N, C-alpha and C. Protein backbone atom coordinates (compact mmCIF):
# COMPACT_ATOMS: atom_id res chain seq x y z
N MET A 1 -205.37 0.46 84.76
CA MET A 1 -206.17 1.50 84.22
C MET A 1 -207.67 1.09 84.35
N ALA A 2 -208.29 1.05 85.40
CA ALA A 2 -209.68 0.57 85.46
C ALA A 2 -210.58 1.65 84.93
N LEU A 3 -211.45 1.25 83.91
CA LEU A 3 -212.35 2.06 83.23
C LEU A 3 -213.74 1.88 83.83
N THR A 4 -214.47 2.93 83.90
CA THR A 4 -215.85 2.86 84.45
C THR A 4 -216.88 2.89 83.32
N ALA A 5 -218.00 2.40 83.62
CA ALA A 5 -219.12 2.56 82.60
C ALA A 5 -219.40 4.07 82.27
N GLY A 6 -219.49 4.28 80.90
CA GLY A 6 -219.62 5.60 80.36
C GLY A 6 -218.35 6.28 79.90
N THR A 7 -217.24 5.72 80.32
CA THR A 7 -216.04 6.24 79.75
C THR A 7 -215.84 6.16 78.34
N LYS A 8 -215.45 7.26 77.73
CA LYS A 8 -215.52 7.24 76.13
C LYS A 8 -213.96 7.21 75.71
N LEU A 9 -213.72 6.33 74.71
CA LEU A 9 -212.46 6.07 74.01
C LEU A 9 -212.82 6.27 72.53
N GLY A 10 -212.60 7.53 72.05
CA GLY A 10 -212.96 7.82 70.71
C GLY A 10 -214.48 7.48 70.57
N PRO A 11 -214.80 6.71 69.51
CA PRO A 11 -216.13 6.40 69.32
C PRO A 11 -216.70 5.26 70.20
N TYR A 12 -215.97 4.80 71.02
CA TYR A 12 -216.43 3.64 71.92
C TYR A 12 -216.65 4.07 73.31
N GLU A 13 -217.67 3.58 73.82
CA GLU A 13 -218.24 3.80 75.21
C GLU A 13 -218.19 2.56 76.03
N ILE A 14 -217.53 2.67 77.16
CA ILE A 14 -217.33 1.41 78.03
C ILE A 14 -218.63 1.18 78.60
N VAL A 15 -218.99 -0.16 78.63
CA VAL A 15 -220.26 -0.58 79.22
C VAL A 15 -220.04 -1.30 80.44
N SER A 16 -219.02 -2.27 80.55
CA SER A 16 -218.67 -3.02 81.76
C SER A 16 -217.38 -3.89 81.47
N PRO A 17 -216.67 -4.21 82.71
CA PRO A 17 -215.54 -4.95 82.49
C PRO A 17 -215.89 -6.44 82.07
N LEU A 18 -215.09 -7.03 81.34
CA LEU A 18 -215.22 -8.43 80.96
C LEU A 18 -214.21 -9.43 81.60
N GLY A 19 -213.08 -8.85 81.81
CA GLY A 19 -211.93 -9.66 82.40
C GLY A 19 -210.66 -9.06 82.36
N ALA A 20 -209.73 -9.67 83.24
CA ALA A 20 -208.34 -9.13 83.13
C ALA A 20 -207.40 -10.35 83.16
N GLY A 21 -206.18 -10.03 82.64
CA GLY A 21 -205.11 -11.12 82.61
C GLY A 21 -203.82 -10.48 82.59
N GLY A 22 -202.78 -11.30 82.11
CA GLY A 22 -201.38 -10.93 82.23
C GLY A 22 -201.09 -9.81 81.13
N MET A 23 -201.93 -9.57 80.05
CA MET A 23 -201.66 -8.63 79.08
C MET A 23 -202.66 -7.42 79.13
N GLY A 24 -203.46 -7.37 80.20
CA GLY A 24 -204.33 -6.20 80.27
C GLY A 24 -205.76 -6.49 80.71
N GLU A 25 -206.68 -5.50 80.42
CA GLU A 25 -208.06 -5.57 80.88
C GLU A 25 -208.93 -5.65 79.50
N VAL A 26 -210.02 -6.26 79.58
CA VAL A 26 -210.96 -6.28 78.51
C VAL A 26 -212.25 -5.73 78.98
N TYR A 27 -212.83 -4.93 78.19
CA TYR A 27 -214.17 -4.34 78.49
C TYR A 27 -215.16 -4.47 77.32
N ARG A 28 -216.40 -4.57 77.81
CA ARG A 28 -217.50 -4.65 76.83
C ARG A 28 -217.79 -3.12 76.62
N ALA A 29 -217.90 -2.78 75.33
CA ALA A 29 -218.10 -1.31 74.94
C ALA A 29 -219.09 -1.20 73.81
N ARG A 30 -219.61 -0.10 73.59
CA ARG A 30 -220.50 0.24 72.46
C ARG A 30 -219.80 1.08 71.51
N ASP A 31 -219.76 0.55 70.17
CA ASP A 31 -219.27 1.42 69.06
C ASP A 31 -220.48 2.40 68.68
N THR A 32 -220.26 3.58 69.07
CA THR A 32 -221.38 4.54 68.85
C THR A 32 -221.64 4.93 67.36
N ARG A 33 -220.58 4.75 66.54
CA ARG A 33 -220.65 4.98 65.16
C ARG A 33 -221.63 4.04 64.43
N LEU A 34 -221.29 2.71 64.73
CA LEU A 34 -222.03 1.59 64.01
C LEU A 34 -223.08 0.83 64.86
N GLU A 35 -223.26 1.44 66.09
CA GLU A 35 -224.31 0.84 67.00
C GLU A 35 -224.15 -0.64 67.17
N ARG A 36 -222.87 -1.05 67.68
CA ARG A 36 -222.74 -2.47 67.94
C ARG A 36 -221.97 -2.63 69.23
N THR A 37 -222.02 -3.89 69.76
CA THR A 37 -221.25 -4.20 70.97
C THR A 37 -219.87 -4.71 70.46
N VAL A 38 -218.77 -4.16 71.09
CA VAL A 38 -217.48 -4.54 70.87
C VAL A 38 -216.79 -4.94 72.20
N ALA A 39 -215.60 -5.47 72.07
CA ALA A 39 -214.73 -5.76 73.18
C ALA A 39 -213.44 -4.96 72.92
N ILE A 40 -212.99 -4.26 74.01
CA ILE A 40 -211.75 -3.42 73.85
C ILE A 40 -210.70 -3.97 75.01
N LYS A 41 -209.62 -4.23 74.41
CA LYS A 41 -208.46 -4.62 75.27
C LYS A 41 -207.53 -3.44 75.52
N ILE A 42 -207.22 -3.24 76.74
CA ILE A 42 -206.46 -2.09 77.19
C ILE A 42 -205.23 -2.63 77.95
N LEU A 43 -203.95 -2.28 77.40
CA LEU A 43 -202.78 -2.73 78.01
C LEU A 43 -202.43 -1.70 79.05
N PRO A 44 -201.86 -2.17 80.24
CA PRO A 44 -201.42 -1.17 81.28
C PRO A 44 -200.22 -0.55 80.75
N PRO A 45 -199.95 0.81 81.25
CA PRO A 45 -198.83 1.64 80.80
C PRO A 45 -197.40 0.87 80.78
N HIS A 46 -197.16 0.07 81.90
CA HIS A 46 -195.92 -0.50 81.93
C HIS A 46 -195.74 -1.61 80.79
N LEU A 47 -196.81 -2.05 80.27
CA LEU A 47 -196.66 -3.03 79.16
C LEU A 47 -196.80 -2.30 77.81
N SER A 48 -197.65 -1.27 77.69
CA SER A 48 -197.80 -0.63 76.45
C SER A 48 -196.69 0.20 76.05
N GLU A 49 -195.79 0.50 76.86
CA GLU A 49 -194.66 1.32 76.60
C GLU A 49 -193.42 0.46 76.21
N ASP A 50 -193.52 -0.80 76.43
CA ASP A 50 -192.51 -1.80 75.98
C ASP A 50 -192.65 -2.20 74.50
N PRO A 51 -191.76 -1.84 73.63
CA PRO A 51 -191.85 -2.14 72.17
C PRO A 51 -192.17 -3.68 71.93
N MET A 52 -191.37 -4.56 72.62
CA MET A 52 -191.63 -5.98 72.36
C MET A 52 -193.02 -6.34 72.83
N LEU A 53 -193.52 -5.92 73.84
CA LEU A 53 -194.89 -6.17 74.21
C LEU A 53 -195.87 -5.72 73.34
N ARG A 54 -195.67 -4.48 72.70
CA ARG A 54 -196.56 -3.90 71.79
C ARG A 54 -196.67 -4.83 70.57
N GLN A 55 -195.40 -5.18 70.16
CA GLN A 55 -195.34 -6.16 68.92
C GLN A 55 -196.14 -7.37 69.21
N ARG A 56 -196.03 -7.98 70.51
CA ARG A 56 -196.86 -9.18 70.81
C ARG A 56 -198.35 -8.86 70.65
N PHE A 57 -198.75 -7.77 71.13
CA PHE A 57 -200.17 -7.37 71.12
C PHE A 57 -200.60 -7.22 69.65
N GLU A 58 -199.69 -6.68 68.81
CA GLU A 58 -200.07 -6.60 67.35
C GLU A 58 -200.13 -7.89 66.73
N ARG A 59 -199.23 -8.87 67.07
CA ARG A 59 -199.24 -10.25 66.54
C ARG A 59 -200.56 -10.95 66.90
N GLU A 60 -200.95 -10.77 68.19
CA GLU A 60 -202.26 -11.30 68.78
C GLU A 60 -203.41 -10.79 67.91
N ALA A 61 -203.38 -9.47 67.63
CA ALA A 61 -204.51 -8.87 66.81
C ALA A 61 -204.53 -9.37 65.38
N LYS A 62 -203.44 -9.54 64.90
CA LYS A 62 -203.35 -10.08 63.50
C LYS A 62 -203.78 -11.53 63.38
N ALA A 63 -203.37 -12.30 64.45
CA ALA A 63 -203.85 -13.71 64.49
C ALA A 63 -205.40 -13.74 64.59
N ILE A 64 -205.95 -12.95 65.43
CA ILE A 64 -207.33 -12.95 65.66
C ILE A 64 -208.07 -12.49 64.32
N SER A 65 -207.50 -11.46 63.66
CA SER A 65 -208.03 -11.06 62.41
C SER A 65 -208.12 -12.10 61.28
N ARG A 66 -207.30 -13.06 61.48
CA ARG A 66 -207.34 -14.09 60.36
C ARG A 66 -208.28 -15.24 60.69
N LEU A 67 -208.95 -15.24 61.74
CA LEU A 67 -210.00 -16.23 62.08
C LEU A 67 -211.17 -16.01 61.12
N THR A 68 -211.51 -17.12 60.43
CA THR A 68 -212.64 -17.04 59.58
C THR A 68 -213.69 -18.21 59.73
N HIS A 69 -213.34 -19.05 60.67
CA HIS A 69 -214.17 -20.32 60.83
C HIS A 69 -215.49 -19.86 61.39
N THR A 70 -216.59 -20.49 61.03
CA THR A 70 -217.92 -20.20 61.49
C THR A 70 -218.07 -20.20 63.05
N SER A 71 -217.25 -20.87 63.69
CA SER A 71 -217.41 -20.94 65.22
C SER A 71 -216.45 -19.95 65.80
N ALA A 72 -215.79 -19.20 65.05
CA ALA A 72 -214.85 -18.08 65.63
C ALA A 72 -215.67 -17.13 66.46
N CYS A 73 -215.16 -16.96 67.67
CA CYS A 73 -215.91 -16.18 68.73
C CYS A 73 -215.79 -14.60 68.52
N CYS A 74 -214.93 -14.13 67.67
CA CYS A 74 -214.79 -12.72 67.49
C CYS A 74 -214.19 -12.29 66.12
N THR A 75 -214.16 -11.07 65.80
CA THR A 75 -213.64 -10.50 64.54
C THR A 75 -212.85 -9.38 64.99
N MET A 76 -211.55 -9.25 64.53
CA MET A 76 -210.73 -8.11 64.81
C MET A 76 -211.12 -7.03 63.87
N LEU A 77 -211.54 -5.83 64.28
CA LEU A 77 -212.01 -4.88 63.48
C LEU A 77 -210.95 -3.66 63.47
N GLU A 78 -210.24 -3.55 64.45
CA GLU A 78 -209.31 -2.22 64.60
C GLU A 78 -208.36 -2.52 65.66
N ILE A 79 -207.21 -1.88 65.43
CA ILE A 79 -206.12 -1.90 66.52
C ILE A 79 -205.64 -0.42 66.57
N ARG A 80 -205.62 0.05 67.72
CA ARG A 80 -205.11 1.40 67.92
C ARG A 80 -204.10 1.39 69.13
N MET A 81 -202.95 2.17 68.83
CA MET A 81 -202.00 2.33 69.79
C MET A 81 -202.09 3.79 70.32
N ALA A 82 -202.36 3.90 71.64
CA ALA A 82 -202.47 5.24 72.11
C ALA A 82 -201.68 5.33 73.44
N LEU A 83 -200.69 6.08 73.45
CA LEU A 83 -199.87 6.24 74.70
C LEU A 83 -200.52 7.31 75.52
N ARG A 84 -200.18 7.36 76.75
CA ARG A 84 -200.94 8.31 77.71
C ARG A 84 -200.98 9.66 77.30
N SER A 85 -199.97 10.19 76.45
CA SER A 85 -199.92 11.55 76.01
C SER A 85 -200.78 11.69 74.79
N SER A 86 -201.24 10.65 74.12
CA SER A 86 -201.99 10.78 72.92
C SER A 86 -203.53 10.62 73.04
N SER A 87 -204.25 10.69 72.05
CA SER A 87 -205.65 10.66 72.17
C SER A 87 -206.25 9.55 71.22
N TRP A 88 -207.32 8.92 71.71
CA TRP A 88 -208.08 7.89 70.98
C TRP A 88 -208.78 8.51 69.84
N ASN A 89 -209.05 9.82 69.78
CA ASN A 89 -209.90 10.42 68.80
C ASN A 89 -209.18 10.59 67.37
N ALA A 90 -208.05 10.04 67.25
CA ALA A 90 -207.32 10.26 65.99
C ALA A 90 -207.98 9.30 64.90
């Protein structure tokens, strides 16, 4: 699911791709509500529809959210699960 600059996912607007790996693609995006830069990870449909892999994704998000060290590179702010038939606007 390659996203292009300007694509909107709810309040987030894609700016550019950051990378891709075994669990999906990561994009630099702009949170238009709070005017900040964020990273968004998108799982491909064949992974996001697998309950075990969604649980792995949730565990990864929870682990990141627990990072509090001053050199931690990121903060987990939100996790959303949106299947193809649903909307990010919820």
